[in-house]
Amino acid sequence: MANIKWIFVLFSILAAISLMGIAISISLQSSLLAGASIIFLFIVMGFGFKTKKKYREEGKL
């Protein structure tokens, strides 16, 4: 448990919130909110993968 990388926990929480936003937008039938949630999901996942690659190259993972 001491090896928790809190930045990855933050990225996963933000991605889950984005997925919830997609579900809420579908229930509200809002294509604008769905599009914004999908874009936010891609941004968060992109930063997560980029950070993971950086950590791996530095030998921190």
C-alpha atoms as a PDB file:
ATOM      1  CA  MET A   1       0.000   0.000   0.000  1.00  0.00           C
ATOM      2  CA  ALA A   2       2.988   2.336   0.406  1.00  0.00           C
ATOM      3  CA  ASN A   3       3.606   2.356  -3.351  1.00  0.00           C
ATOM      4  CA  ILE A   4       0.375   4.153  -4.265  1.00  0.00           C
ATOM      5  CA  LYS A   5       0.855   6.691  -7.022  1.00  0.00           C
ATOM      6  CA  TRP A   6      -1.801   9.248  -6.109  1.00  0.00           C
ATOM      7  CA  ILE A   7      -1.711  10.917  -9.523  1.00  0.00           C
ATOM      8  CA  PHE A   8      -3.025   7.712 -11.087  1.00  0.00           C
ATOM      9  CA  VAL A   9      -5.799   7.525  -8.489  1.00  0.00           C
ATOM     10  CA  LEU A  10      -6.765  11.072  -9.457  1.00  0.00           C
ATOM     11  CA  PHE A  11      -6.770  10.195 -13.163  1.00  0.00           C
ATOM     12  CA  SER A  12      -8.975   7.150 -12.556  1.00  0.00           C
ATOM     13  CA  ILE A  13     -11.447   9.155 -10.459  1.00  0.00           C
ATOM     14  CA  LEU A  14     -11.649  11.848 -13.135  1.00  0.00           C
ATOM     15  CA  ALA A  15     -12.199   9.213 -15.830  1.00  0.00           C
ATOM     16  CA  ALA A  16     -14.986   7.632 -13.760  1.00  0.00           C
ATOM     17  CA  ILE A  17     -16.618  11.045 -13.292  1.00  0.00           C
ATOM     18  CA  SER A  18     -16.429  11.570 -17.044  1.00  0.00           C
ATOM     19  CA  LEU A  19     -18.103   8.220 -17.668  1.00  0.00           C
ATOM     20  CA  MET A  20     -20.839   9.190 -15.224  1.00  0.00           C
ATOM     21  CA  GLY A  21     -21.229  12.439 -17.148  1.00  0.00           C
ATOM     22  CA  ILE A  22     -21.769  10.458 -20.337  1.00  0.00           C
ATOM     23  CA  ALA A  23     -24.457   8.356 -18.636  1.00  0.00           C
ATOM     24  CA  ILE A  24     -26.172  11.435 -17.225  1.00  0.00           C
ATOM     25  CA  SER A  25     -26.094  13.175 -20.594  1.00  0.00           C
ATOM     26  CA  ILE A  26     -27.677  10.137 -22.237  1.00  0.00           C
ATOM     27  CA  SER A  27     -30.461  10.160 -19.654  1.00  0.00           C
ATOM     28  CA  LEU A  28     -30.980  13.892 -20.197  1.00  0.00           C
ATOM     29  CA  GLN A  29     -30.726  13.440 -23.978  1.00  0.00           C
ATOM     30  CA  SER A  30     -28.097  16.169 -24.156  1.00  0.00           C
ATOM     31  CA  SER A  31     -25.693  15.668 -27.026  1.00  0.00           C
ATOM     32  CA  LEU A  32     -23.658  18.736 -26.020  1.00  0.00           C
ATOM     33  CA  LEU A  33     -22.983  17.366 -22.531  1.00  0.00           C
ATOM     34  CA  ALA A  34     -22.210  13.933 -23.979  1.00  0.00           C
ATOM     35  CA  GLY A  35     -19.692  15.420 -26.381  1.00  0.00           C
ATOM     36  CA  ALA A  36     -18.039  17.441 -23.627  1.00  0.00           C
ATOM     37  CA  SER A  37     -17.838  14.372 -21.388  1.00  0.00           C
ATOM     38  CA  ILE A  38     -16.311  12.264 -24.152  1.00  0.00           C
ATOM     39  CA  ILE A  39     -13.713  14.937 -24.926  1.00  0.00           C
ATOM     40  CA  PHE A  40     -12.903  15.242 -21.210  1.00  0.00           C
ATOM     41  CA  LEU A  41     -12.521  11.459 -21.007  1.00  0.00           C
ATOM     42  CA  PHE A  42     -10.056  11.426 -23.914  1.00  0.00           C
ATOM     43  CA  ILE A  43      -8.055  14.253 -22.339  1.00  0.00           C
ATOM     44  CA  VAL A  44      -7.875  12.570 -18.926  1.00  0.00           C
ATOM     45  CA  MET A  45      -6.982   9.174 -20.400  1.00  0.00           C
ATOM     46  CA  GLY A  46      -4.349  10.794 -22.633  1.00  0.00           C
ATOM     47  CA  PHE A  47      -2.701  12.539 -19.694  1.00  0.00           C
ATOM     48  CA  GLY A  48      -2.853   9.290 -17.720  1.00  0.00           C
ATOM     49  CA  PHE A  49      -1.105   7.274 -20.405  1.00  0.00           C
ATOM     50  CA  LYS A  50       1.415  10.065 -20.969  1.00  0.00           C
ATOM     51  CA  THR A  51       2.215  10.203 -17.261  1.00  0.00           C
ATOM     52  CA  LYS A  52       2.506   6.423 -17.050  1.00  0.00           C
ATOM     53  CA  LYS A  53       4.967   6.409 -19.946  1.00  0.00           C
ATOM     54  CA  LYS A  54       7.002   9.144 -18.274  1.00  0.00           C
ATOM     55  CA  TYR A  55       7.074   7.255 -14.961  1.00  0.00           C
ATOM     56  CA  ARG A  56       8.068   4.048 -16.738  1.00  0.00           C
ATOM     57  CA  GLU A  57      10.926   5.769 -18.593  1.00  0.00           C
ATOM     58  CA  GLU A  58      12.187   7.260 -15.316  1.00  0.00           C
ATOM     59  CA  GLY A  59      12.055   3.849 -13.650  1.00  0.00           C
ATOM     60  CA  LYS A  60       9.485   4.895 -11.053  1.00  0.00           C
ATOM     61  CA  LEU A  61       7.062   2.079 -11.940  1.00  0.00           C
END
